[in-house]
Amino acid sequence: MSDTAPSVSEMTFEQAMAELEQVVGQLERGDVALEDSIKLYERGAELKKRCEAKLKEAEEKVAAITLDGAGNPQGTTPVEGL
């Protein structure tokens, strides 16, 4: 893991998930020093939180889609807090 890693808050879901998979792999192998393991764990926790937030955001957008009488997407309903 480098010190120039991108900000988690700017990552897409896919970027965060890919890095989270790498972090988990490194931790599972157990081939990193204790201090690095702690940093990896903290980074992993941030990545997990980002993935969960992006999933929740997507779920809210899907839930806000309104359908017309034929069941076709017509528009969206405003979702509180977005």
PDB file of N, CA and C in Angstrom:
ATOM      1  N   MET A   1       0.855  -1.179   0.000  1.00  0.00           N
ATOM      2  CA  MET A   1       0.000   0.000   0.000  1.00  0.00           C
ATOM      3  C   MET A   1       0.889   1.226   0.000  1.00  0.00           C
ATOM      4  N   SER A   2       0.602   2.171  -0.847  1.00  0.00           N
ATOM      5  CA  SER A   2       1.434   3.360  -0.932  1.00  0.00           C
ATOM      6  C   SER A   2       0.791   4.524  -0.204  1.00  0.00           C
ATOM      7  N   ASP A   3       1.621   5.514   0.110  1.00  0.00           N
ATOM      8  CA  ASP A   3       1.116   6.706   0.789  1.00  0.00           C
ATOM      9  C   ASP A   3       0.362   7.614  -0.177  1.00  0.00           C
ATOM     10  N   THR A   4       0.455   7.330  -1.486  1.00  0.00           N
ATOM     11  CA  THR A   4      -0.212   8.151  -2.479  1.00  0.00           C
ATOM     12  C   THR A   4      -1.514   7.511  -2.949  1.00  0.00           C
ATOM     13  N   ALA A   5      -2.066   6.620  -2.139  1.00  0.00           N
ATOM     14  CA  ALA A   5      -3.329   5.964  -2.491  1.00  0.00           C
ATOM     15  C   ALA A   5      -4.416   7.024  -2.638  1.00  0.00           C
ATOM     16  N   PRO A   6      -5.319   6.826  -3.606  1.00  0.00           N
ATOM     17  CA  PRO A   6      -6.386   7.822  -3.825  1.00  0.00           C
ATOM     18  C   PRO A   6      -7.313   7.931  -2.618  1.00  0.00           C
ATOM     19  N   SER A   7      -7.924   9.078  -2.502  1.00  0.00           N
ATOM     20  CA  SER A   7      -8.870   9.315  -1.421  1.00  0.00           C
ATOM     21  C   SER A   7     -10.074   8.387  -1.582  1.00  0.00           C
ATOM     22  N   VAL A   8     -10.429   7.711  -0.527  1.00  0.00           N
ATOM     23  CA  VAL A   8     -11.558   6.786  -0.560  1.00  0.00           C
ATOM     24  C   VAL A   8     -12.837   7.521  -0.917  1.00  0.00           C
ATOM     25  N   SER A   9     -13.000   8.725  -0.441  1.00  0.00           N
ATOM     26  CA  SER A   9     -14.234   9.483  -0.679  1.00  0.00           C
ATOM     27  C   SER A   9     -14.430   9.852  -2.148  1.00  0.00           C
ATOM     28  N   GLU A  10     -13.384   9.755  -2.956  1.00  0.00           N
ATOM     29  CA  GLU A  10     -13.481  10.082  -4.373  1.00  0.00           C
ATOM     30  C   GLU A  10     -13.604   8.842  -5.254  1.00  0.00           C
ATOM     31  N   MET A  11     -13.547   7.665  -4.657  1.00  0.00           N
ATOM     32  CA  MET A  11     -13.573   6.425  -5.433  1.00  0.00           C
ATOM     33  C   MET A  11     -14.983   6.051  -5.865  1.00  0.00           C
ATOM     34  N   THR A  12     -15.033   5.405  -7.024  1.00  0.00           N
ATOM     35  CA  THR A  12     -16.291   4.804  -7.449  1.00  0.00           C
ATOM     36  C   THR A  12     -16.473   3.523  -6.643  1.00  0.00           C
ATOM     37  N   PHE A  13     -17.659   2.956  -6.729  1.00  0.00           N
ATOM     38  CA  PHE A  13     -17.909   1.682  -6.055  1.00  0.00           C
ATOM     39  C   PHE A  13     -16.917   0.628  -6.543  1.00  0.00           C
ATOM     40  N   GLU A  14     -16.722   0.563  -7.850  1.00  0.00           N
ATOM     41  CA  GLU A  14     -15.860  -0.449  -8.431  1.00  0.00           C
ATOM     42  C   GLU A  14     -14.412  -0.295  -7.982  1.00  0.00           C
ATOM     43  N   GLN A  15     -13.928   0.944  -7.914  1.00  0.00           N
ATOM     44  CA  GLN A  15     -12.562   1.186  -7.463  1.00  0.00           C
ATOM     45  C   GLN A  15     -12.391   0.769  -6.003  1.00  0.00           C
ATOM     46  N   ALA A  16     -13.351   1.159  -5.174  1.00  0.00           N
ATOM     47  CA  ALA A  16     -13.276   0.826  -3.754  1.00  0.00           C
ATOM     48  C   ALA A  16     -13.346  -0.684  -3.540  1.00  0.00           C
ATOM     49  N   MET A  17     -14.213  -1.359  -4.283  1.00  0.00           N
ATOM     50  CA  MET A  17     -14.340  -2.805  -4.141  1.00  0.00           C
ATOM     51  C   MET A  17     -13.062  -3.515  -4.576  1.00  0.00           C
ATOM     52  N   ALA A  18     -12.471  -3.076  -5.683  1.00  0.00           N
ATOM     53  CA  ALA A  18     -11.237  -3.695  -6.170  1.00  0.00           C
ATOM     54  C   ALA A  18     -10.114  -3.543  -5.148  1.00  0.00           C
ATOM     55  N   GLU A  19      -9.982  -2.355  -4.588  1.00  0.00           N
ATOM     56  CA  GLU A  19      -8.921  -2.158  -3.593  1.00  0.00           C
ATOM     57  C   GLU A  19      -9.226  -2.935  -2.323  1.00  0.00           C
ATOM     58  N   LEU A  20     -10.487  -2.985  -1.934  1.00  0.00           N
ATOM     59  CA  LEU A  20     -10.865  -3.746  -0.745  1.00  0.00           C
ATOM     60  C   LEU A  20     -10.487  -5.218  -0.919  1.00  0.00           C
ATOM     61  N   GLU A  21     -10.705  -5.764  -2.103  1.00  0.00           N
ATOM     62  CA  GLU A  21     -10.324  -7.150  -2.365  1.00  0.00           C
ATOM     63  C   GLU A  21      -8.819  -7.343  -2.227  1.00  0.00           C
ATOM     64  N   GLN A  22      -8.038  -6.369  -2.695  1.00  0.00           N
ATOM     65  CA  GLN A  22      -6.582  -6.440  -2.565  1.00  0.00           C
ATOM     66  C   GLN A  22      -6.170  -6.393  -1.097  1.00  0.00           C
ATOM     67  N   VAL A  23      -6.784  -5.504  -0.338  1.00  0.00           N
ATOM     68  CA  VAL A  23      -6.477  -5.354   1.084  1.00  0.00           C
ATOM     69  C   VAL A  23      -6.774  -6.659   1.824  1.00  0.00           C
ATOM     70  N   VAL A  24      -7.941  -7.225   1.560  1.00  0.00           N
ATOM     71  CA  VAL A  24      -8.326  -8.478   2.219  1.00  0.00           C
ATOM     72  C   VAL A  24      -7.336  -9.584   1.863  1.00  0.00           C
ATOM     73  N   GLY A  25      -6.941  -9.645   0.596  1.00  0.00           N
ATOM     74  CA  GLY A  25      -5.972 -10.649   0.171  1.00  0.00           C
ATOM     75  C   GLY A  25      -4.651 -10.524   0.910  1.00  0.00           C
ATOM     76  N   GLN A  26      -4.156  -9.302   1.047  1.00  0.00           N
ATOM     77  CA  GLN A  26      -2.902  -9.074   1.763  1.00  0.00           C
ATOM     78  C   GLN A  26      -3.032  -9.478   3.228  1.00  0.00           C
ATOM     79  N   LEU A  27      -4.141  -9.108   3.846  1.00  0.00           N
ATOM     80  CA  LEU A  27      -4.339  -9.449   5.255  1.00  0.00           C
ATOM     81  C   LEU A  27      -4.477 -10.954   5.447  1.00  0.00           C
ATOM     82  N   GLU A  28      -5.148 -11.627   4.520  1.00  0.00           N
ATOM     83  CA  GLU A  28      -5.318 -13.077   4.631  1.00  0.00           C
ATOM     84  C   GLU A  28      -3.994 -13.815   4.478  1.00  0.00           C
ATOM     85  N   ARG A  29      -3.122 -13.308   3.596  1.00  0.00           N
ATOM     86  CA  ARG A  29      -1.814 -13.946   3.410  1.00  0.00           C
ATOM     87  C   ARG A  29      -0.952 -13.808   4.662  1.00  0.00           C
ATOM     88  N   GLY A  30      -1.143 -12.715   5.376  1.00  0.00           N
ATOM     89  CA  GLY A  30      -0.387 -12.505   6.609  1.00  0.00           C
ATOM     90  C   GLY A  30       1.084 -12.235   6.391  1.00  0.00           C
ATOM     91  N   ASP A  31       1.440 -11.730   5.221  1.00  0.00           N
ATOM     92  CA  ASP A  31       2.851 -11.496   4.915  1.00  0.00           C
ATOM     93  C   ASP A  31       3.270 -10.033   5.057  1.00  0.00           C
ATOM     94  N   VAL A  32       2.526  -9.277   5.860  1.00  0.00           N
ATOM     95  CA  VAL A  32       2.878  -7.878   6.100  1.00  0.00           C
ATOM     96  C   VAL A  32       3.148  -7.681   7.592  1.00  0.00           C
ATOM     97  N   ALA A  33       3.983  -6.703   7.880  1.00  0.00           N
ATOM     98  CA  ALA A  33       4.335  -6.399   9.265  1.00  0.00           C
ATOM     99  C   ALA A  33       3.104  -5.924  10.038  1.00  0.00           C
ATOM    100  N   LEU A  34       3.162  -6.017  11.341  1.00  0.00           N
ATOM    101  CA  LEU A  34       2.035  -5.657  12.200  1.00  0.00           C
ATOM    102  C   LEU A  34       1.549  -4.236  11.946  1.00  0.00           C
ATOM    103  N   GLU A  35       2.455  -3.269  11.915  1.00  0.00           N
ATOM    104  CA  GLU A  35       2.049  -1.871  11.691  1.00  0.00           C
ATOM    105  C   GLU A  35       1.373  -1.714  10.334  1.00  0.00           C
ATOM    106  N   ASP A  36       1.908  -2.380   9.310  1.00  0.00           N
ATOM    107  CA  ASP A  36       1.295  -2.311   7.983  1.00  0.00           C
ATOM    108  C   ASP A  36      -0.057  -2.999   7.977  1.00  0.00           C
ATOM    109  N   SER A  37      -0.191  -4.066   8.737  1.00  0.00           N
ATOM    110  CA  SER A  37      -1.474  -4.764   8.842  1.00  0.00           C
ATOM    111  C   SER A  37      -2.534  -3.846   9.444  1.00  0.00           C
ATOM    112  N   ILE A  38      -2.141  -3.090  10.445  1.00  0.00           N
ATOM    113  CA  ILE A  38      -3.072  -2.158  11.080  1.00  0.00           C
ATOM    114  C   ILE A  38      -3.509  -1.087  10.073  1.00  0.00           C
ATOM    115  N   LYS A  39      -2.544  -0.545   9.319  1.00  0.00           N
ATOM    116  CA  LYS A  39      -2.879   0.460   8.305  1.00  0.00           C
ATOM    117  C   LYS A  39      -3.781  -0.136   7.232  1.00  0.00           C
ATOM    118  N   LEU A  40      -3.485  -1.368   6.812  1.00  0.00           N
ATOM    119  CA  LEU A  40      -4.324  -2.031   5.814  1.00  0.00           C
ATOM    120  C   LEU A  40      -5.731  -2.243   6.339  1.00  0.00           C
ATOM    121  N   TYR A  41      -5.839  -2.668   7.590  1.00  0.00           N
ATOM    122  CA  TYR A  41      -7.157  -2.893   8.190  1.00  0.00           C
ATOM    123  C   TYR A  41      -7.961  -1.592   8.222  1.00  0.00           C
ATOM    124  N   GLU A  42      -7.311  -0.499   8.618  1.00  0.00           N
ATOM    125  CA  GLU A  42      -7.987   0.795   8.666  1.00  0.00           C
ATOM    126  C   GLU A  42      -8.428   1.233   7.273  1.00  0.00           C
ATOM    127  N   ARG A  43      -7.564   1.022   6.281  1.00  0.00           N
ATOM    128  CA  ARG A  43      -7.912   1.370   4.898  1.00  0.00           C
ATOM    129  C   ARG A  43      -9.094   0.500   4.441  1.00  0.00           C
ATOM    130  N   GLY A  44      -9.039  -0.771   4.783  1.00  0.00           N
ATOM    131  CA  GLY A  44     -10.124  -1.683   4.428  1.00  0.00           C
ATOM    132  C   GLY A  44     -11.448  -1.263   5.033  1.00  0.00           C
ATOM    133  N   ALA A  45     -11.413  -0.799   6.270  1.00  0.00           N
ATOM    134  CA  ALA A  45     -12.639  -0.340   6.936  1.00  0.00           C
ATOM    135  C   ALA A  45     -13.215   0.878   6.210  1.00  0.00           C
ATOM    136  N   GLU A  46     -12.340   1.794   5.770  1.00  0.00           N
ATOM    137  CA  GLU A  46     -12.796   2.961   5.011  1.00  0.00           C
ATOM    138  C   GLU A  46     -13.406   2.539   3.678  1.00  0.00           C
ATOM    139  N   LEU A  47     -12.740   1.594   3.010  1.00  0.00           N
ATOM    140  CA  LEU A  47     -13.222   1.117   1.718  1.00  0.00           C
ATOM    141  C   LEU A  47     -14.570   0.428   1.860  1.00  0.00           C
ATOM    142  N   LYS A  48     -14.723  -0.371   2.897  1.00  0.00           N
ATOM    143  CA  LYS A  48     -15.989  -1.067   3.155  1.00  0.00           C
ATOM    144  C   LYS A  48     -17.112  -0.050   3.372  1.00  0.00           C
ATOM    145  N   LYS A  49     -16.820   0.970   4.149  1.00  0.00           N
ATOM    146  CA  LYS A  49     -17.814   2.016   4.412  1.00  0.00           C
ATOM    147  C   LYS A  49     -18.206   2.725   3.114  1.00  0.00           C
ATOM    148  N   ARG A  50     -17.232   2.991   2.241  1.00  0.00           N
ATOM    149  CA  ARG A  50     -17.503   3.652   0.960  1.00  0.00           C
ATOM    150  C   ARG A  50     -18.395   2.766   0.084  1.00  0.00           C
ATOM    151  N   CYS A  51     -18.068   1.478   0.019  1.00  0.00           N
ATOM    152  CA  CYS A  51     -18.870   0.550  -0.781  1.00  0.00           C
ATOM    153  C   CYS A  51     -20.308   0.492  -0.266  1.00  0.00           C
ATOM    154  N   GLU A  52     -20.467   0.418   1.040  1.00  0.00           N
ATOM    155  CA  GLU A  52     -21.809   0.373   1.618  1.00  0.00           C
ATOM    156  C   GLU A  52     -22.590   1.646   1.306  1.00  0.00           C
ATOM    157  N   ALA A  53     -21.920   2.797   1.377  1.00  0.00           N
ATOM    158  CA  ALA A  53     -22.582   4.069   1.094  1.00  0.00           C
ATOM    159  C   ALA A  53     -23.008   4.152  -0.370  1.00  0.00           C
ATOM    160  N   LYS A  54     -22.133   3.719  -1.283  1.00  0.00           N
ATOM    161  CA  LYS A  54     -22.466   3.756  -2.700  1.00  0.00           C
ATOM    162  C   LYS A  54     -23.610   2.788  -3.015  1.00  0.00           C
ATOM    163  N   LEU A  55     -23.639   1.625  -2.377  1.00  0.00           N
ATOM    164  CA  LEU A  55     -24.735   0.683  -2.580  1.00  0.00           C
ATOM    165  C   LEU A  55     -26.051   1.262  -2.076  1.00  0.00           C
ATOM    166  N   LYS A  56     -26.014   1.895  -0.913  1.00  0.00           N
ATOM    167  CA  LYS A  56     -27.229   2.498  -0.355  1.00  0.00           C
ATOM    168  C   LYS A  56     -27.738   3.605  -1.276  1.00  0.00           C
ATOM    169  N   GLU A  57     -26.820   4.398  -1.792  1.00  0.00           N
ATOM    170  CA  GLU A  57     -27.176   5.467  -2.721  1.00  0.00           C
ATOM    171  C   GLU A  57     -27.850   4.886  -3.970  1.00  0.00           C
ATOM    172  N   ALA A  58     -27.303   3.817  -4.500  1.00  0.00           N
ATOM    173  CA  ALA A  58     -27.883   3.179  -5.688  1.00  0.00           C
ATOM    174  C   ALA A  58     -29.256   2.597  -5.372  1.00  0.00           C
ATOM    175  N   GLU A  59     -29.399   1.961  -4.218  1.00  0.00           N
ATOM    176  CA  GLU A  59     -30.688   1.395  -3.822  1.00  0.00           C
ATOM    177  C   GLU A  59     -31.747   2.481  -3.699  1.00  0.00           C
ATOM    178  N   GLU A  60     -31.375   3.633  -3.150  1.00  0.00           N
ATOM    179  CA  GLU A  60     -32.319   4.733  -3.004  1.00  0.00           C
ATOM    180  C   GLU A  60     -32.735   5.287  -4.365  1.00  0.00           C
ATOM    181  N   LYS A  61     -31.794   5.338  -5.290  1.00  0.00           N
ATOM    182  CA  LYS A  61     -32.125   5.822  -6.634  1.00  0.00           C
ATOM    183  C   LYS A  61     -33.082   4.859  -7.317  1.00  0.00           C
ATOM    184  N   VAL A  62     -32.831   3.567  -7.184  1.00  0.00           N
ATOM    185  CA  VAL A  62     -33.713   2.574  -7.795  1.00  0.00           C
ATOM    186  C   VAL A  62     -35.100   2.644  -7.155  1.00  0.00           C
ATOM    187  N   ALA A  63     -35.153   2.783  -5.851  1.00  0.00           N
ATOM    188  CA  ALA A  63     -36.425   2.849  -5.142  1.00  0.00           C
ATOM    189  C   ALA A  63     -37.216   4.092  -5.534  1.00  0.00           C
ATOM    190  N   ALA A  64     -36.535   5.135  -5.998  1.00  0.00           N
ATOM    191  CA  ALA A  64     -37.203   6.389  -6.328  1.00  0.00           C
ATOM    192  C   ALA A  64     -37.757   6.407  -7.746  1.00  0.00           C
ATOM    193  N   ILE A  65     -37.455   5.393  -8.548  1.00  0.00           N
ATOM    194  CA  ILE A  65     -37.959   5.362  -9.922  1.00  0.00           C
ATOM    195  C   ILE A  65     -39.462   5.131  -9.901  1.00  0.00           C
ATOM    196  N   THR A  66     -40.183   5.976 -10.619  1.00  0.00           N
ATOM    197  CA  THR A  66     -41.634   5.809 -10.714  1.00  0.00           C
ATOM    198  C   THR A  66     -41.970   5.163 -12.045  1.00  0.00           C
ATOM    199  N   LEU A  67     -43.036   4.401 -12.062  1.00  0.00           N
ATOM    200  CA  LEU A  67     -43.470   3.708 -13.272  1.00  0.00           C
ATOM    201  C   LEU A  67     -44.802   4.265 -13.750  1.00  0.00           C
ATOM    202  N   ASP A  68     -44.991   4.230 -15.054  1.00  0.00           N
ATOM    203  CA  ASP A  68     -46.287   4.647 -15.589  1.00  0.00           C
ATOM    204  C   ASP A  68     -47.251   3.460 -15.535  1.00  0.00           C
ATOM    205  N   GLY A  69     -48.451   3.629 -16.051  1.00  0.00           N
ATOM    206  CA  GLY A  69     -49.471   2.588 -16.000  1.00  0.00           C
ATOM    207  C   GLY A  69     -49.057   1.293 -16.672  1.00  0.00           C
ATOM    208  N   ALA A  70     -48.156   1.370 -17.660  1.00  0.00           N
ATOM    209  CA  ALA A  70     -47.691   0.180 -18.377  1.00  0.00           C
ATOM    210  C   ALA A  70     -46.471  -0.441 -17.719  1.00  0.00           C
ATOM    211  N   GLY A  71     -46.007   0.148 -16.607  1.00  0.00           N
ATOM    212  CA  GLY A  71     -44.843  -0.392 -15.912  1.00  0.00           C
ATOM    213  C   GLY A  71     -43.519   0.092 -16.453  1.00  0.00           C
ATOM    214  N   ASN A  72     -43.544   1.115 -17.290  1.00  0.00           N
ATOM    215  CA  ASN A  72     -42.309   1.672 -17.841  1.00  0.00           C
ATOM    216  C   ASN A  72     -41.791   2.793 -16.947  1.00  0.00           C
ATOM    217  N   PRO A  73     -40.470   2.899 -16.798  1.00  0.00           N
ATOM    218  CA  PRO A  73     -39.910   3.989 -16.002  1.00  0.00           C
ATOM    219  C   PRO A  73     -40.337   5.334 -16.563  1.00  0.00           C
ATOM    220  N   GLN A  74     -40.846   6.175 -15.702  1.00  0.00           N
ATOM    221  CA  GLN A  74     -41.370   7.459 -16.131  1.00  0.00           C
ATOM    222  C   GLN A  74     -40.515   8.601 -15.590  1.00  0.00           C
ATOM    223  N   GLY A  75     -39.985   8.454 -14.437  1.00  0.00           N
ATOM    224  CA  GLY A  75     -39.202   9.512 -13.807  1.00  0.00           C
ATOM    225  C   GLY A  75     -38.800   9.054 -12.433  1.00  0.00           C
ATOM    226  N   THR A  76     -38.368   9.993 -11.648  1.00  0.00           N
ATOM    227  CA  THR A  76     -37.979   9.653 -10.293  1.00  0.00           C
ATOM    228  C   THR A  76     -38.743  10.506  -9.303  1.00  0.00           C
ATOM    229  N   THR A  77     -38.900   9.951  -8.143  1.00  0.00           N
ATOM    230  CA  THR A  77     -39.519  10.652  -7.041  1.00  0.00           C
ATOM    231  C   THR A  77     -38.385  11.194  -6.171  1.00  0.00           C
ATOM    232  N   PRO A  78     -38.435  12.442  -5.753  1.00  0.00           N
ATOM    233  CA  PRO A  78     -37.364  12.952  -4.885  1.00  0.00           C
ATOM    234  C   PRO A  78     -37.213  12.095  -3.644  1.00  0.00           C
ATOM    235  N   VAL A  79     -35.968  11.813  -3.300  1.00  0.00           N
ATOM    236  CA  VAL A  79     -35.676  11.028  -2.113  1.00  0.00           C
ATOM    237  C   VAL A  79     -35.122  11.983  -1.063  1.00  0.00           C
ATOM    238  N   GLU A  80     -35.672  11.917   0.137  1.00  0.00           N
ATOM    239  CA  GLU A  80     -35.212  12.814   1.189  1.00  0.00           C
ATOM    240  C   GLU A  80     -33.732  12.592   1.452  1.00  0.00           C
ATOM    241  N   GLY A  81     -33.004  13.684   1.657  1.00  0.00           N
ATOM    242  CA  GLY A  81     -31.601  13.603   2.014  1.00  0.00           C
ATOM    243  C   GLY A  81     -30.658  13.487   0.843  1.00  0.00           C
ATOM    244  N   LEU A  82     -31.177  13.416  -0.382  1.00  0.00           N
ATOM    245  CA  LEU A  82     -30.284  13.329  -1.549  1.00  0.00           C
ATOM    246  C   LEU A  82     -30.249  14.633  -2.283  1.00  0.00           C
TER     247      LEU A  82
END
